[in-house]
Amino acid sequence: MTTENAASSRGWVVVLAALGINLILGALYAWGVLAKALVVQWHWSRTEAAMPFTVSTVAFALMMVFAGRAQDKLGPRWIALCGGLLFGLGLIASSFATTPLMMLLTYGVVGGCGIGLGYSATTPPAIKWFPPAKKGLITGLVVSGVGVAAVYISPLTQFLLGQTTISRTFLILGIGTSLIIALLSLLLVNPPAGYVPAASAGPAARPAAAPRRDYDWHEMLRTPRFYQLWAMFVLTASAGLMIIAHVAIIAKEQAAWQWGFVPVALLAIFNTTGRIVSGYLSDRIGRTQTMLLAFLLQSLNMFLFAFYTTPALLVFGSACTGLCYGTIFTLMPSATADFYGVRHLGVNYGLVFTAFGVAGVLGPILGGMLRDHSGSYTASYLLSAVMLLLAAGLAFFTRPPRPAAETAGPGR
């Protein structure tokens, strides 16, 4: 095997390990099933049952900043290992929690921080093994693990709850996630110093951009592009979560469809598909062009969502929502790497990802408040559509820095 082939094989091992870790970290999405059990069996209020997930999402996003910086300095292996152990510890500790406050601390804070550590260590090492022309595709494959996790983790959690108690379910999930992530983390490694990936062959690939220097986080924060990316992330993720967080209720109220789990499953499947497809497409037509296409398509879907009053139409709307929502988790890290380089990608994307923490609180709450105030979700759809149009406008005016301007300083 040639040195080039060996490096390529090693790179694919890292990609598959990173994908596997994200697939396990996606156990976060088991919370919907667990929350229902807490309401029915332990008689928690719906707010008490929902808060640990909200806290976990915020802790996840905030930890990404510190975890990304640690990953840049210490490498991905140890950070992913610590993340897996901390996430598992949060789940195991949740098996001893008996009050909402205890669950906020164990699942919300400890578990959320563990997810942030693990997730931060998956994408950066994977894309460093491959040329820029494959950056989007590789990112899409790695982050698809979190999206597809909802397909397996919900029925698995439901099965465990049917066989044992809530506490024992937390314990089993915690032990399993710790062991699997610990093993997979051993396969995560950055390329050796001075490694330059071979250029992609094939006429379909978009020509790689000229090399750009690596920005550290101080320099990145002095560029307007960072705030454009951050604002787009908040707008699009909030718009998506307004619908995703309520889709089972929407199915019942709007289409008289009792099988609310079907659109939930479709969202998960097409969320995963969107991550991979957008990565592949963005390698060919560009990141911001793909963003513009996805945001406009999702905006149109939101304007029409109030008219999806049959199960068939709701299937279409849910699939489109998942497809477009999934794109942001591929395009944002890829664009961050394009604009600011890969050397400091961990901390740089961690700062961009704080937008998801804002969206994770803003989107579901706004969707619920508008529903309670107006009696339907129509206002939520319209607000989502407007937010997506604003994001599309930002994408239209967001352009990668020109190589010639890079030497003049980060503020240009």
Protein backbone atom coordinates (compact mmCIF):
# COMPACT_ATOMS: atom_id res chain seq x y z
CA MET A 1 0.00 0.00 0.00
CA THR A 2 1.38 3.41 -0.99
CA THR A 3 1.84 6.16 1.56
CA GLU A 4 -0.99 8.12 -0.08
CA ASN A 5 -3.38 5.14 0.11
CA ALA A 6 -2.39 4.45 3.71
CA ALA A 7 -3.12 8.06 4.67
CA SER A 8 -6.46 7.91 2.89
CA SER A 9 -7.37 4.69 4.70
CA ARG A 10 -6.38 6.20 8.03
CA GLY A 11 -8.52 9.22 7.25
CA TRP A 12 -11.57 7.04 6.59
CA VAL A 13 -11.01 5.20 9.87
CA VAL A 14 -11.11 8.57 11.64
CA VAL A 15 -14.30 9.51 9.76
CA LEU A 16 -16.04 6.26 10.71
CA ALA A 17 -14.94 6.56 14.35
CA ALA A 18 -16.19 10.16 14.49
CA LEU A 19 -19.47 9.10 12.90
CA GLY A 20 -19.83 6.33 15.47
CA ILE A 21 -19.19 8.69 18.38
CA ASN A 22 -21.83 11.12 17.13
CA LEU A 23 -24.22 8.23 16.67
CA ILE A 24 -23.85 7.44 20.38
CA LEU A 25 -23.94 11.09 21.48
CA GLY A 26 -27.28 11.23 19.71
CA ALA A 27 -28.67 9.41 22.75
CA LEU A 28 -29.51 13.00 23.73
CA TYR A 29 -32.62 12.51 21.60
CA ALA A 30 -33.84 9.71 23.86
CA TRP A 31 -35.08 12.45 26.16
CA GLY A 32 -38.47 12.72 24.45
CA VAL A 33 -39.26 9.13 25.44
CA LEU A 34 -37.77 9.52 28.92
CA ALA A 35 -39.65 12.77 29.53
CA LYS A 36 -42.95 11.09 28.70
CA ALA A 37 -42.15 8.32 31.20
CA LEU A 38 -41.31 10.89 33.89
CA VAL A 39 -44.68 12.59 33.36
CA VAL A 40 -46.69 9.35 33.35
CA GLN A 41 -44.85 7.31 35.98
CA TRP A 42 -43.30 9.88 38.30
CA HIS A 43 -46.04 12.52 37.78
CA TRP A 44 -43.64 15.33 36.88
CA SER A 45 -45.15 18.35 35.13
CA ARG A 46 -44.40 18.74 31.43
CA THR A 47 -42.21 21.75 32.20
CA GLU A 48 -40.21 19.81 34.79
CA ALA A 49 -39.76 16.96 32.34
CA ALA A 50 -38.68 19.28 29.49
CA MET A 51 -36.14 21.41 31.40
CA PRO A 52 -33.28 18.86 31.64
CA PHE A 53 -33.20 18.63 27.84
CA THR A 54 -33.15 22.44 27.51
CA VAL A 55 -30.34 22.76 30.06
CA SER A 56 -28.44 19.96 28.33
CA THR A 57 -28.69 21.75 24.98
CA VAL A 58 -27.36 25.01 26.46
CA ALA A 59 -24.53 23.23 28.32
CA PHE A 60 -23.68 21.36 25.11
CA ALA A 61 -23.37 24.60 23.12
CA LEU A 62 -21.38 26.48 25.77
CA MET A 63 -18.98 23.60 26.37
CA MET A 64 -18.20 23.50 22.65
CA VAL A 65 -16.14 26.70 23.03
CA PHE A 66 -13.90 25.34 25.79
CA ALA A 67 -13.86 21.83 24.37
CA GLY A 68 -12.91 23.12 20.94
CA ARG A 69 -9.94 25.02 22.36
CA ALA A 70 -8.85 21.94 24.34
CA GLN A 71 -9.21 19.77 21.23
CA ASP A 72 -7.04 22.16 19.24
CA LYS A 73 -4.30 21.97 21.89
CA LEU A 74 -4.51 18.38 23.19
CA GLY A 75 -5.85 16.53 20.16
CA PRO A 76 -9.20 14.84 19.61
CA ARG A 77 -8.59 11.46 21.29
CA TRP A 78 -8.47 12.58 24.92
CA ILE A 79 -11.23 15.13 24.53
CA ALA A 80 -13.58 12.59 22.94
CA LEU A 81 -12.72 10.08 25.67
CA CYS A 82 -13.44 12.62 28.43
CA GLY A 83 -16.66 13.61 26.68
CA GLY A 84 -17.88 10.03 26.43
CA LEU A 85 -17.09 9.31 30.06
CA LEU A 86 -18.72 12.55 31.24
CA PHE A 87 -21.87 11.94 29.16
CA GLY A 88 -22.07 8.39 30.47
CA LEU A 89 -21.53 9.66 34.02
CA GLY A 90 -24.39 12.12 33.57
CA LEU A 91 -26.72 9.32 32.50
CA ILE A 92 -25.55 7.01 35.30
CA ALA A 93 -25.95 9.78 37.88
CA SER A 94 -29.45 10.40 36.48
CA SER A 95 -30.34 6.86 37.51
CA PHE A 96 -30.04 8.07 41.13
CA ALA A 97 -31.91 11.35 40.57
CA THR A 98 -35.31 11.56 42.21
CA THR A 99 -36.19 15.25 41.79
CA PRO A 100 -36.31 17.64 38.81
CA LEU A 101 -33.43 19.68 40.27
CA MET A 102 -31.19 16.64 40.55
CA MET A 103 -32.03 15.70 36.94
CA LEU A 104 -31.17 19.22 35.80
CA LEU A 105 -27.70 18.79 37.27
CA THR A 106 -27.04 15.19 36.20
CA TYR A 107 -28.58 14.96 32.74
CA GLY A 108 -28.68 18.68 31.97
CA VAL A 109 -25.32 20.03 33.16
CA VAL A 110 -23.07 16.95 33.38
CA GLY A 111 -24.53 15.13 30.40
CA GLY A 112 -24.70 18.26 28.25
CA CYS A 113 -21.06 19.13 28.96
CA GLY A 114 -20.08 15.59 28.03
CA ILE A 115 -21.87 15.89 24.69
CA GLY A 116 -20.11 19.18 24.00
CA LEU A 117 -16.71 17.63 24.68
CA GLY A 118 -17.35 14.60 22.51
CA TYR A 119 -18.97 16.44 19.62
CA SER A 120 -16.18 19.03 19.46
CA ALA A 121 -13.60 16.31 18.82
CA THR A 122 -15.27 14.62 15.84
CA THR A 123 -15.37 16.98 12.85
CA PRO A 124 -11.95 18.76 13.10
CA PRO A 125 -9.73 15.64 12.93
CA ALA A 126 -11.85 14.07 10.19
CA ILE A 127 -11.66 16.95 7.71
CA LYS A 128 -7.92 17.46 8.28
CA TRP A 129 -7.23 14.14 6.51
CA PHE A 130 -8.98 15.21 3.29
CA PRO A 131 -8.56 17.95 0.66
CA PRO A 132 -10.76 21.05 0.64
CA ALA A 133 -12.83 19.65 -2.25
CA LYS A 134 -14.15 16.94 0.11
CA LYS A 135 -14.54 19.08 3.20
CA GLY A 136 -18.31 19.39 2.94
CA LEU A 137 -18.94 15.72 2.25
CA ILE A 138 -16.73 14.57 5.13
CA THR A 139 -18.37 17.01 7.51
CA GLY A 140 -21.80 15.82 6.40
CA LEU A 141 -20.92 12.18 6.99
CA VAL A 142 -19.51 12.86 10.46
CA VAL A 143 -22.40 14.98 11.73
CA SER A 144 -25.01 12.67 10.19
CA GLY A 145 -24.50 10.38 13.18
CA VAL A 146 -26.33 12.74 15.50
CA GLY A 147 -29.20 13.08 13.06
CA VAL A 148 -29.77 9.37 12.48
CA ALA A 149 -29.41 8.57 16.18
CA ALA A 150 -33.02 9.56 16.78
CA VAL A 151 -34.12 6.67 14.56
CA TYR A 152 -32.63 3.98 16.80
CA ILE A 153 -32.40 5.58 20.24
CA SER A 154 -36.11 6.29 20.71
CA PRO A 155 -37.31 2.69 20.11
CA LEU A 156 -34.35 1.35 22.11
CA THR A 157 -35.21 3.57 25.07
CA GLN A 158 -38.89 2.64 24.76
CA PHE A 159 -37.93 -1.04 24.81
CA LEU A 160 -35.78 -0.59 27.93
CA LEU A 161 -38.56 1.28 29.71
CA GLY A 162 -40.90 -1.59 28.89
CA GLN A 163 -38.49 -4.09 30.42
CA THR A 164 -37.27 -2.21 33.48
CA THR A 165 -37.57 1.02 35.47
CA ILE A 166 -36.72 4.59 34.47
CA SER A 167 -33.69 4.57 36.78
CA ARG A 168 -32.36 1.31 35.39
CA THR A 169 -32.85 2.61 31.83
CA PHE A 170 -30.64 5.61 32.61
CA LEU A 171 -28.04 3.27 34.08
CA ILE A 172 -27.95 0.96 31.04
CA LEU A 173 -27.73 3.86 28.60
CA GLY A 174 -24.95 5.46 30.65
CA ILE A 175 -22.78 2.35 30.82
CA GLY A 176 -23.30 1.60 27.13
CA THR A 177 -22.46 5.08 25.89
CA SER A 178 -19.33 5.32 28.05
CA LEU A 179 -17.89 2.03 26.82
CA ILE A 180 -18.60 2.54 23.12
CA ILE A 181 -17.33 6.13 22.95
CA ALA A 182 -14.22 5.20 24.96
CA LEU A 183 -13.33 2.54 22.39
CA LEU A 184 -14.06 4.70 19.35
CA SER A 185 -12.13 7.67 20.75
CA LEU A 186 -8.92 5.64 20.51
CA LEU A 187 -9.22 5.81 16.71
CA LEU A 188 -9.40 9.61 16.55
CA VAL A 189 -6.10 11.20 15.57
CA ASN A 190 -4.95 14.29 13.70
CA PRO A 191 -2.67 13.93 10.66
CA PRO A 192 1.06 14.22 11.31
CA ALA A 193 2.65 17.68 11.23
CA GLY A 194 3.20 18.87 7.69
CA TYR A 195 0.64 16.48 6.23
CA VAL A 196 -0.93 17.74 3.00
CA PRO A 197 -3.88 15.70 1.69
CA ALA A 198 -3.78 14.68 -1.94
CA ALA A 199 -5.98 16.76 -4.22
CA SER A 200 -9.30 15.25 -5.21
CA ALA A 201 -9.57 13.79 -8.64
CA GLY A 202 -12.65 14.08 -10.76
CA PRO A 203 -14.10 16.81 -12.98
CA ALA A 204 -17.27 17.24 -10.92
CA ALA A 205 -15.53 18.71 -7.91
CA ARG A 206 -15.49 22.47 -7.52
CA PRO A 207 -11.95 23.83 -7.72
CA ALA A 208 -10.49 24.20 -4.25
CA ALA A 209 -10.14 27.70 -2.95
CA ALA A 210 -6.71 29.19 -2.72
CA PRO A 211 -5.01 28.43 0.61
CA ARG A 212 -5.91 30.82 3.39
CA ARG A 213 -4.09 31.48 6.60
CA ASP A 214 -5.46 30.14 9.86
CA TYR A 215 -7.25 32.62 12.11
CA ASP A 216 -7.27 32.21 15.87
CA TRP A 217 -10.47 33.01 17.73
CA HIS A 218 -9.42 36.58 18.61
CA GLU A 219 -8.90 37.37 14.94
CA MET A 220 -12.10 35.61 13.89
CA LEU A 221 -14.18 37.74 16.27
CA ARG A 222 -12.86 40.86 14.54
CA THR A 223 -14.34 39.82 11.19
CA PRO A 224 -17.94 40.57 10.13
CA ARG A 225 -18.28 37.08 8.62
CA PHE A 226 -18.30 35.49 12.06
CA TYR A 227 -21.37 37.52 13.07
CA GLN A 228 -23.05 36.75 9.77
CA LEU A 229 -22.53 33.00 10.31
CA TRP A 230 -23.66 33.25 13.93
CA ALA A 231 -26.82 35.17 13.04
CA MET A 232 -27.67 32.73 10.24
CA PHE A 233 -27.23 29.83 12.66
CA VAL A 234 -29.56 31.39 15.26
CA LEU A 235 -32.22 32.28 12.69
CA THR A 236 -32.29 28.94 10.86
CA ALA A 237 -31.95 26.69 13.91
CA SER A 238 -34.64 28.65 15.82
CA ALA A 239 -36.97 28.46 12.82
CA GLY A 240 -36.44 24.72 12.50
CA LEU A 241 -36.81 24.00 16.22
CA MET A 242 -40.08 25.95 16.37
CA ILE A 243 -41.57 23.17 14.25
CA ILE A 244 -39.47 20.17 15.23
CA ALA A 245 -40.17 20.57 18.94
CA HIS A 246 -43.93 20.57 18.31
CA VAL A 247 -44.36 18.34 15.25
CA ALA A 248 -46.14 15.50 17.08
CA ILE A 249 -48.72 17.98 18.43
CA ILE A 250 -49.01 19.63 15.00
CA ALA A 251 -49.81 16.24 13.46
CA LYS A 252 -52.67 15.72 15.89
CA GLU A 253 -54.11 19.24 15.82
CA GLN A 254 -53.65 20.13 12.16
CA ALA A 255 -54.06 16.81 10.36
CA ALA A 256 -56.05 14.81 12.95
CA TRP A 257 -53.20 12.30 12.77
CA GLN A 258 -52.70 10.22 15.91
CA TRP A 259 -49.44 8.67 14.67
CA GLY A 260 -47.32 11.64 15.66
CA PHE A 261 -44.22 9.46 15.84
CA VAL A 262 -44.23 9.14 12.02
CA PRO A 263 -43.36 12.79 11.25
CA VAL A 264 -40.86 12.68 14.12
CA ALA A 265 -39.12 9.70 12.49
CA LEU A 266 -39.26 11.36 9.07
CA LEU A 267 -37.66 14.49 10.49
CA ALA A 268 -34.80 12.41 11.87
CA ILE A 269 -34.26 10.50 8.62
CA PHE A 270 -34.34 13.56 6.38
CA ASN A 271 -32.31 15.56 8.90
CA THR A 272 -29.56 12.97 8.37
CA THR A 273 -30.03 13.01 4.60
CA GLY A 274 -29.79 16.80 4.53
CA ARG A 275 -26.45 16.73 6.33
CA ILE A 276 -24.87 14.41 3.76
CA VAL A 277 -26.49 15.86 0.63
CA SER A 278 -25.67 19.45 1.57
CA GLY A 279 -22.05 18.51 2.21
CA TYR A 280 -21.75 16.88 -1.20
CA LEU A 281 -23.56 19.74 -2.93
CA SER A 282 -21.59 22.48 -1.19
CA ASP A 283 -18.32 20.95 -2.37
CA ARG A 284 -19.57 21.58 -5.90
CA ILE A 285 -21.47 24.87 -5.84
CA GLY A 286 -20.08 26.47 -2.65
CA ARG A 287 -21.15 26.77 1.00
CA THR A 288 -23.07 30.04 0.88
CA GLN A 289 -24.82 29.10 -2.37
CA THR A 290 -26.02 25.88 -0.75
CA MET A 291 -27.13 27.82 2.33
CA LEU A 292 -29.11 30.22 0.15
CA LEU A 293 -30.83 27.33 -1.63
CA ALA A 294 -31.69 25.49 1.61
CA PHE A 295 -32.92 28.58 3.46
CA LEU A 296 -35.18 29.68 0.58
CA LEU A 297 -36.62 26.18 0.18
CA GLN A 298 -37.30 25.94 3.92
CA SER A 299 -38.87 29.40 3.95
CA LEU A 300 -41.28 28.40 1.18
CA ASN A 301 -42.09 25.22 3.08
CA MET A 302 -42.91 27.25 6.20
CA PHE A 303 -45.17 29.63 4.29
CA LEU A 304 -47.12 26.58 3.07
CA PHE A 305 -47.08 24.57 6.31
CA ALA A 306 -50.49 25.77 7.51
CA PHE A 307 -52.01 24.16 4.41
CA TYR A 308 -50.60 20.70 5.24
CA THR A 309 -53.87 19.44 6.71
CA THR A 310 -53.67 15.78 5.66
CA PRO A 311 -51.19 13.09 6.73
CA ALA A 312 -49.76 12.89 3.21
CA LEU A 313 -49.10 16.63 3.02
CA LEU A 314 -47.67 16.63 6.55
CA VAL A 315 -45.29 13.83 5.53
CA PHE A 316 -44.05 16.05 2.70
CA GLY A 317 -43.70 19.09 4.96
CA SER A 318 -41.90 17.15 7.70
CA ALA A 319 -39.47 15.61 5.21
CA CYS A 320 -38.67 19.00 3.72
CA THR A 321 -38.21 20.52 7.18
CA GLY A 322 -35.79 17.78 8.24
CA LEU A 323 -33.86 17.95 4.97
CA CYS A 324 -33.27 21.70 5.16
CA TYR A 325 -32.71 21.81 8.93
CA GLY A 326 -29.98 19.18 8.69
CA THR A 327 -27.95 21.29 6.26
CA ILE A 328 -26.91 23.85 8.88
CA PHE A 329 -24.95 21.27 10.89
CA THR A 330 -22.83 20.50 7.84
CA LEU A 331 -22.57 23.93 6.25
CA MET A 332 -21.69 25.93 9.37
CA PRO A 333 -18.56 23.96 10.36
CA SER A 334 -17.52 23.68 6.70
CA ALA A 335 -17.92 27.42 6.18
CA THR A 336 -16.03 28.14 9.40
CA ALA A 337 -13.16 26.00 8.12
CA ASP A 338 -13.29 27.71 4.71
CA PHE A 339 -13.23 31.20 6.17
CA TYR A 340 -10.82 30.71 9.07
CA GLY A 341 -8.77 27.57 8.38
CA VAL A 342 -8.62 24.21 10.18
CA ARG A 343 -5.79 24.75 12.67
CA HIS A 344 -8.07 26.45 15.23
CA LEU A 345 -11.31 24.95 13.95
CA GLY A 346 -12.26 23.43 17.32
CA VAL A 347 -12.53 26.70 19.22
CA ASN A 348 -13.62 28.74 16.20
CA TYR A 349 -16.56 26.50 15.42
CA GLY A 350 -17.28 26.22 19.15
CA LEU A 351 -17.90 29.97 19.19
CA VAL A 352 -20.11 29.76 16.09
CA PHE A 353 -21.98 26.85 17.69
CA THR A 354 -23.04 28.95 20.69
CA ALA A 355 -25.76 30.10 18.31
CA PHE A 356 -27.35 26.68 18.63
CA GLY A 357 -27.59 27.13 22.40
CA VAL A 358 -29.56 30.34 21.83
CA ALA A 359 -31.76 28.65 19.22
CA GLY A 360 -32.35 25.63 21.45
CA VAL A 361 -34.06 27.89 23.98
CA LEU A 362 -35.57 30.49 21.65
CA GLY A 363 -37.15 28.26 18.99
CA PRO A 364 -39.24 25.83 21.06
CA ILE A 365 -40.34 28.52 23.52
CA LEU A 366 -41.42 30.94 20.78
CA GLY A 367 -43.30 28.16 18.99
CA GLY A 368 -45.18 27.24 22.16
CA MET A 369 -45.92 30.84 23.16
CA LEU A 370 -47.33 31.72 19.73
CA ARG A 371 -49.47 28.57 19.76
CA ASP A 372 -50.85 29.39 23.22
CA HIS A 373 -51.54 33.01 22.31
CA SER A 374 -53.17 32.49 18.89
CA GLY A 375 -54.68 29.02 19.27
CA SER A 376 -52.82 27.59 16.26
CA TYR A 377 -49.29 27.21 14.91
CA THR A 378 -49.87 29.48 11.90
CA ALA A 379 -48.05 32.42 13.50
CA SER A 380 -45.09 30.11 14.25
CA TYR A 381 -44.91 29.07 10.60
CA LEU A 382 -44.97 32.68 9.42
CA LEU A 383 -42.31 33.77 11.90
CA SER A 384 -40.13 30.81 10.88
CA ALA A 385 -40.52 31.74 7.21
CA VAL A 386 -39.49 35.35 7.86
CA MET A 387 -36.48 34.28 9.93
CA LEU A 388 -35.37 31.99 7.10
CA LEU A 389 -35.73 34.79 4.55
CA LEU A 390 -33.50 36.97 6.74
CA ALA A 391 -30.96 34.15 6.92
CA ALA A 392 -31.10 33.76 3.13
CA GLY A 393 -30.38 37.48 2.78
CA LEU A 394 -27.35 37.15 5.02
CA ALA A 395 -26.16 34.11 3.04
CA PHE A 396 -26.47 36.08 -0.20
CA PHE A 397 -24.15 38.80 1.11
CA THR A 398 -21.70 36.46 2.86
CA ARG A 399 -18.67 35.73 0.73
CA PRO A 400 -15.43 33.90 1.55
CA PRO A 401 -12.43 36.21 2.06
CA ARG A 402 -10.32 36.75 -1.02
CA PRO A 403 -6.84 35.25 -0.68
CA ALA A 404 -5.24 38.53 -1.65
CA ALA A 405 -6.91 40.25 1.30
CA GLU A 406 -5.75 37.69 3.82
CA THR A 407 -2.29 39.16 4.17
CA ALA A 408 -3.70 42.58 4.98
CA GLY A 409 -5.10 41.51 8.36
CA PRO A 410 -8.15 39.79 9.81
CA GLY A 411 -10.35 42.83 9.89
CA ARG A 412 -10.57 43.19 6.13
